[in-house]
Every structure is written in C-alpha cells, then in structure tokens.
Protein backbone atom coordinates (compact mmCIF):
# COMPACT_ATOMS: atom_id res chain seq x y z
CA UNK A 1 1.14 14.12 21.40
CA UNK A 2 -2.15 13.42 22.75
CA UNK A 3 -5.42 13.12 21.60
CA UNK A 4 -6.80 16.24 23.31
CA UNK A 5 -3.43 18.68 21.84
CA UNK A 6 -3.58 17.17 18.04
CA UNK A 7 -7.02 18.73 17.43
CA UNK A 8 -6.35 21.98 18.81
CA UNK A 9 -5.81 25.32 15.83
CA UNK A 10 -3.58 27.67 17.88
CA UNK A 11 -1.10 30.04 17.06
CA UNK A 12 1.96 28.04 16.99
CA UNK A 13 0.30 24.64 15.23
CA UNK A 14 -2.35 26.37 13.40
CA UNK A 15 -3.54 23.25 11.03
CA UNK A 16 -3.61 21.12 14.60
CA UNK A 17 -1.21 18.02 14.79
CA UNK A 18 -1.48 15.34 11.91
CA UNK A 19 -2.61 11.88 13.31
CA UNK A 20 -3.98 8.53 11.91
CA UNK A 21 -7.66 7.81 11.59
CA UNK A 22 -9.70 5.19 10.14
CA UNK A 23 -13.75 5.82 8.87
CA UNK A 24 -15.89 2.74 8.70
CA UNK A 25 -18.63 2.50 5.83
CA UNK A 26 -20.76 -0.27 7.02
CA UNK A 27 -22.81 -1.54 4.85
CA UNK A 28 -26.11 -4.18 5.46
CA UNK A 29 -27.11 -6.82 2.76
CA UNK A 30 -29.70 -4.59 0.89
CA UNK A 31 -26.05 -2.28 -0.11
CA UNK A 32 -27.80 0.87 2.51
CA UNK A 33 -24.81 2.51 4.16
CA UNK A 34 -25.36 2.99 8.49
CA UNK A 35 -24.83 6.85 9.32
CA UNK A 36 -24.55 8.45 12.35
CA UNK A 37 -25.01 12.16 13.36
CA UNK A 38 -22.65 13.23 16.23
CA UNK A 39 -23.85 14.04 19.53
CA UNK A 40 -24.16 18.02 20.31
CA UNK A 41 -21.64 17.46 23.19
CA UNK A 42 -19.17 16.17 20.99
CA UNK A 43 -16.19 18.78 20.82
CA UNK A 44 -15.16 18.84 17.23
CA UNK A 45 -17.91 18.76 14.37
CA UNK A 46 -21.12 18.04 16.57
CA UNK A 47 -24.09 17.45 15.31
CA UNK A 48 -22.65 16.64 11.65
CA UNK A 49 -23.81 13.81 10.15
CA UNK A 50 -21.07 11.24 8.90
CA UNK A 51 -20.18 7.89 8.04
CA UNK A 52 -20.58 5.11 10.15
CA UNK A 53 -18.02 5.25 12.64
CA UNK A 54 -14.62 7.87 12.65
CA UNK A 55 -11.88 7.71 15.43
CA UNK A 56 -8.47 7.23 15.79
CA UNK A 57 -6.24 3.78 16.52
CA UNK A 58 -4.41 4.45 20.33
CA UNK A 59 -1.05 2.64 21.50
CA UNK A 60 -1.39 0.23 24.85
CA UNK A 61 -4.48 -1.01 23.36
CA UNK A 62 -5.27 -5.08 23.89
CA UNK A 63 -5.74 -6.40 20.69
CA UNK A 64 -2.97 -3.76 19.53
CA UNK A 65 -3.99 -1.15 17.41
CA UNK A 66 -0.34 0.04 16.15
CA UNK A 67 0.34 -0.56 12.49
CA UNK A 68 3.58 -1.13 10.72
CA UNK A 69 3.87 0.82 7.26
CA UNK A 70 4.59 -2.82 6.25
CA UNK A 71 1.15 -3.77 7.20
CA UNK A 72 -0.36 -0.93 5.68
CA UNK A 73 1.29 -1.39 2.45
CA UNK A 74 0.14 -4.93 2.59
CA UNK A 75 -3.31 -4.39 2.77
CA UNK A 76 -3.86 -5.79 5.90
CA UNK A 77 -3.46 -2.82 8.56
CA UNK A 78 -4.85 -5.44 11.72
CA UNK A 79 -4.53 -2.66 14.34
CA UNK A 80 -6.95 0.07 12.58
CA UNK A 81 -9.29 -2.91 11.67
CA UNK A 82 -9.14 -3.85 15.82
CA UNK A 83 -9.84 -0.01 16.77
CA UNK A 84 -12.79 0.06 14.28
CA UNK A 85 -14.29 -3.08 16.41
CA UNK A 86 -13.72 -1.30 19.93
CA UNK A 87 -15.59 2.10 18.37
CA UNK A 88 -18.45 0.30 16.61
CA UNK A 89 -19.01 -1.27 20.29
CA UNK A 90 -18.40 1.97 21.82
CA UNK A 91 -20.10 4.50 19.78
CA UNK A 92 -23.24 2.21 18.33
CA UNK A 93 -23.53 -0.68 20.66
CA UNK A 94 -22.45 -3.17 17.74
CA UNK A 95 -20.79 -6.60 18.70
CA UNK A 96 -19.57 -9.68 16.82
CA UNK A 97 -17.83 -8.23 13.96
CA UNK A 98 -14.82 -10.02 13.11
CA UNK A 99 -11.66 -7.59 12.17
CA UNK A 100 -10.79 -9.81 9.21
CA UNK A 101 -13.42 -9.06 7.25
CA UNK A 102 -13.12 -5.20 7.17
CA UNK A 103 -11.61 -4.41 3.91
CA UNK A 104 -8.96 -1.60 3.92
CA UNK A 105 -9.56 0.76 0.77
CA UNK A 106 -7.32 3.22 0.65
CA UNK A 107 -6.10 6.55 2.79
CA UNK A 108 -7.00 10.14 2.60
CA UNK A 109 -5.38 13.21 4.11
CA UNK A 110 -7.25 16.27 4.80
CA UNK A 111 -7.31 18.77 7.90
CA UNK A 112 -10.23 21.40 8.31
CA UNK A 113 -11.16 24.13 10.99
CA UNK A 114 -14.77 23.11 12.95
CA UNK A 115 -15.97 26.35 11.88
CA UNK A 116 -19.48 25.31 12.20
CA UNK A 117 -19.29 24.53 15.57
CA UNK A 118 -16.66 27.13 17.06
CA UNK A 119 -17.14 30.08 14.48
CA UNK A 120 -14.17 31.53 12.22
CA UNK A 121 -11.56 31.44 15.02
CA UNK A 122 -12.10 27.93 15.64
CA UNK A 123 -9.85 26.66 17.89
CA UNK A 124 -10.73 22.87 17.21
CA UNK A 125 -10.34 21.29 14.02
CA UNK A 126 -9.07 17.38 12.04
CA UNK A 127 -5.81 17.28 10.59
CA UNK A 128 -5.74 13.40 9.53
CA UNK A 129 -4.72 10.70 7.41
CA UNK A 130 -7.62 8.74 7.55
CA UNK A 131 -7.63 4.74 6.62
CA UNK A 132 -11.17 3.85 4.97
CA UNK A 133 -12.63 0.50 6.15
CA UNK A 134 -15.79 -1.10 4.41
CA UNK A 135 -17.64 -3.74 5.66
CA UNK A 136 -20.61 -5.48 4.50
CA UNK A 137 -23.11 -7.81 6.32
CA UNK A 138 -23.66 -11.21 4.98
CA UNK A 139 -26.91 -12.90 4.59
CA UNK A 140 -28.72 -14.00 8.17
CA UNK A 141 -26.76 -11.75 9.75
CA UNK A 142 -28.23 -9.57 12.52
CA UNK A 143 -27.22 -6.44 13.87
CA UNK A 144 -28.08 -4.24 17.14
CA UNK A 145 -27.33 -0.88 16.97
CA UNK A 146 -27.44 0.76 20.40
CA UNK A 147 -25.95 4.33 20.12
CA UNK A 148 -24.54 5.85 23.19
CA UNK A 149 -26.20 9.23 23.73
CA UNK A 150 -22.63 10.84 24.58
CA UNK A 151 -21.24 9.98 21.39
CA UNK A 152 -24.38 9.47 18.96
CA UNK A 153 -27.67 11.24 18.60
CA UNK A 154 -29.13 9.90 15.45
CA UNK A 155 -28.57 7.07 13.10
CA UNK A 156 -29.70 6.32 9.20
CA UNK A 157 -30.04 3.66 6.90
CA UNK A 158 -29.22 4.97 3.33
CA UNK A 159 -28.96 3.40 -0.34
CA UNK A 160 -26.77 5.55 -2.54
CA UNK A 161 -29.41 7.53 -4.44
CA UNK A 162 -31.01 8.36 -0.77
CA UNK A 163 -27.32 9.44 0.17
CA UNK A 164 -27.09 11.87 -2.47
CA UNK A 165 -30.83 13.89 -2.06
CA UNK A 166 -29.72 13.54 1.92
CA UNK A 167 -26.40 15.51 1.27
CA UNK A 168 -28.55 18.14 -0.74
CA UNK A 169 -31.09 18.61 2.04
CA UNK A 170 -30.57 21.42 4.07
CA UNK A 171 -33.29 21.07 6.08
CA UNK A 172 -33.04 17.63 7.20
CA UNK A 173 -29.15 17.16 6.64
CA UNK A 174 -28.01 20.55 7.69
CA UNK A 175 -24.71 19.76 8.24
CA UNK A 176 -22.03 16.88 7.29
CA UNK A 177 -18.32 15.76 8.67
CA UNK A 178 -15.80 17.56 5.96
CA UNK A 179 -13.87 14.09 5.85
CA UNK A 180 -17.09 12.44 4.92
CA UNK A 181 -17.96 14.81 2.02
CA UNK A 182 -14.65 14.00 0.33
CA UNK A 183 -15.15 10.26 0.71
CA UNK A 184 -18.51 10.19 -0.58
CA UNK A 185 -18.20 12.92 -3.51
CA UNK A 186 -14.64 12.11 -4.57
CA UNK A 187 -15.06 7.69 -4.04
CA UNK A 188 -18.10 6.30 -2.51
CA UNK A 189 -20.97 8.07 -4.57
CA UNK A 190 -18.88 7.92 -8.16
CA UNK A 191 -17.10 4.87 -7.88
CA UNK A 192 -17.38 2.46 -5.18
CA UNK A 193 -21.02 2.12 -4.77
CA UNK A 194 -21.40 1.08 -8.31
CA UNK A 195 -19.94 -2.42 -7.13
CA UNK A 196 -20.29 -2.74 -3.10
CA UNK A 197 -19.08 -6.62 -3.96
CA UNK A 198 -15.68 -5.59 -4.92
CA UNK A 199 -15.24 -3.20 -2.50
CA UNK A 200 -16.00 -5.41 0.29
CA UNK A 201 -14.26 -8.22 -1.14
CA UNK A 202 -11.42 -9.75 0.07
CA UNK A 203 -10.11 -11.15 -3.04
CA UNK A 204 -11.48 -8.80 -6.00
CA UNK A 205 -11.10 -5.12 -4.56
CA UNK A 206 -10.59 -3.27 -8.02
CA UNK A 207 -10.55 -0.06 -5.92
CA UNK A 208 -8.05 -0.66 -3.42
CA UNK A 209 -5.14 1.67 -3.34
CA UNK A 210 -2.91 1.26 -0.06
CA UNK A 211 0.37 2.78 -1.18
CA UNK A 212 -1.31 6.43 -2.40
CA UNK A 213 -2.14 8.95 0.21
CA UNK A 214 -4.98 10.82 -1.23
CA UNK A 215 -4.74 14.59 -0.48
CA UNK A 216 -7.48 17.34 -0.19
CA UNK A 217 -8.13 20.68 1.07
CA UNK A 218 -11.78 21.80 2.11
CA UNK A 219 -12.40 24.72 0.57
CA UNK A 220 -15.93 23.84 -0.31
CA UNK A 221 -16.75 23.94 3.33
CA UNK A 222 -15.06 27.17 4.19
CA UNK A 223 -13.34 24.92 6.51
CA UNK A 224 -9.27 25.84 5.56
CA UNK A 225 -8.70 28.25 7.66
CA UNK A 226 -6.67 27.39 10.79
CA UNK A 227 -6.39 29.19 14.11
CA UNK A 228 -8.43 32.01 12.91
CA UNK A 229 -7.87 31.94 9.48
CA UNK A 230 -3.85 32.40 9.82
CA UNK A 231 -3.25 29.63 7.05
CA UNK A 232 -4.49 29.15 3.76
CA UNK A 233 -5.25 25.51 2.20
CA UNK A 234 -1.74 23.46 0.81
CA UNK A 235 -2.81 19.42 0.51
CA UNK A 236 -4.21 20.59 -2.76
CA UNK A 237 -0.87 21.48 -4.08
CA UNK A 238 1.38 19.02 -2.32
CA UNK A 239 -0.91 16.36 -3.95
CA UNK A 240 -0.09 18.07 -7.57
CA UNK A 241 3.71 18.00 -6.52
CA UNK A 242 3.43 14.19 -5.29
CA UNK A 243 1.49 13.00 -8.82
CA UNK A 244 4.07 14.99 -10.81
CA UNK A 245 6.70 13.13 -9.31
CA UNK A 246 5.31 9.63 -9.65
CA UNK A 247 4.60 10.27 -13.15
CA UNK A 248 8.21 11.40 -13.97
CA UNK A 249 9.50 8.56 -12.10
CA UNK A 250 7.19 6.31 -14.25
CA UNK A 251 8.38 7.95 -17.23
CA UNK A 252 12.16 7.86 -15.70
CA UNK A 253 11.60 3.71 -15.37
CA UNK A 254 10.03 3.47 -18.75
C-alpha cells in the first residue's frame, strides 16, 4: 500500500492500514527534549505539538530503510535509524547525526482518528507500530535547527518539568499528538527521563525492550472513532490477551 491510502479511515478500512513508523526523542546536553509543532498544512494532526520527529521508513531508499525482524529483535533496526536521519534533515534541517548513535528503545502500537483536524467523522488518522528512538547530543556538539515551513511551524526545547506543565497548558499548547501522549505519559515522564544516560547508552540501556509491542487505544483523546465512529477500541483488549498468554507461557516453562 502507499502512504496516502494507509492513512485513510473510511468504510472498508475504518482503522486505516497498520504500518511502520518511528518517533525520535532528541535531547541536548542539558537533557532538554526538542519538540515540534506540526505545520497547519499537514493532512493529519495539523498544528499539534509532538516529539522531535515522527515519520515512516520507506522502501527503495538509499541507504536502506527496511529492517528484518532479526534486526529489530537484536536491537539494531538500522533502516529505521537511516529514515530518522533523512526526516530530521527534511523537517528540521538537522544534519550530521550518526545513525549508529540512535538508541532503539521499544515499539508502540496505537491507532487514532484525527478528530481534532477533521471532526468526528474524520476520514484520516494514524494506525502505526511506532519504533521509539532516543539520541542525546554530546558535550561540544552544535545543532542547527532550520524548520521546513511545510512540515514544522514551531519548535521548543523543554526539560521534563516544563513538558509536564506544557501538556496541561491548553492556552500555549492546546493540541498534542496521540502517539506522543502515549510515549510521554506512559514511558518518558514516569520512567525514561529519570535516567537519560541509560536511555541513550548503547551498553547500559535498562529501558530497552526489543521484543514487546506495547498496544494502546487512545480513549483519553476521544480519537478511537474510526470512519465516523464505526469502530471501537480493540488494542487494550489485545494487549491484555497477549500479556496473559506470555504469563501462562512463562508459568508452563517454570
């Protein structure tokens, strides 16, 4: 399928088509996270605040952006990392990042209809298995950020305390992407930001989980609608079933 069709939430595919994506968390030497506000011209989730960069690995690119299951499970999906380098340059004008320094943390499976932009019968949304990548600048590294106006309308560097406040500030930051709400509230703020050295370390990443795909419905954003409300959430239930299966499998092996 092409990128256009995978994002259509219509009769026949009310949840869109699940596809791979990535989300970059880029930190500076002070531990601040670079955030972007998506451009008003974006088809999906326009003007929402989100993580540094989020997009999709593509077929036919050089360097290659396609990863095997073995690459993912080994913790080094270099294709997704190559895609991150490409999109950081495209969206934010950021150059010179080393693909090997991106740390793959885990995967998040979510789906959300874009009701903020298109209303309750939105024909657009996201249904992604999202590879989470972390990268921290080293002392002395300089980063030039030059947003592409068709992609990004604003940027901000925030520390953990500032991000928590920003996500509750409906005046200055009225909209947040559903995927970043999941990442921030379930992982980044309560866990990962407490030890950035570990998060961004190739040898001591205590947060890495290459096997699990964490699945979430987006109830809190009222975005589990699918083709005008035709489909209810399903990932929370699937997540419970998978966890129960894993638990029983471990019990059988003990």
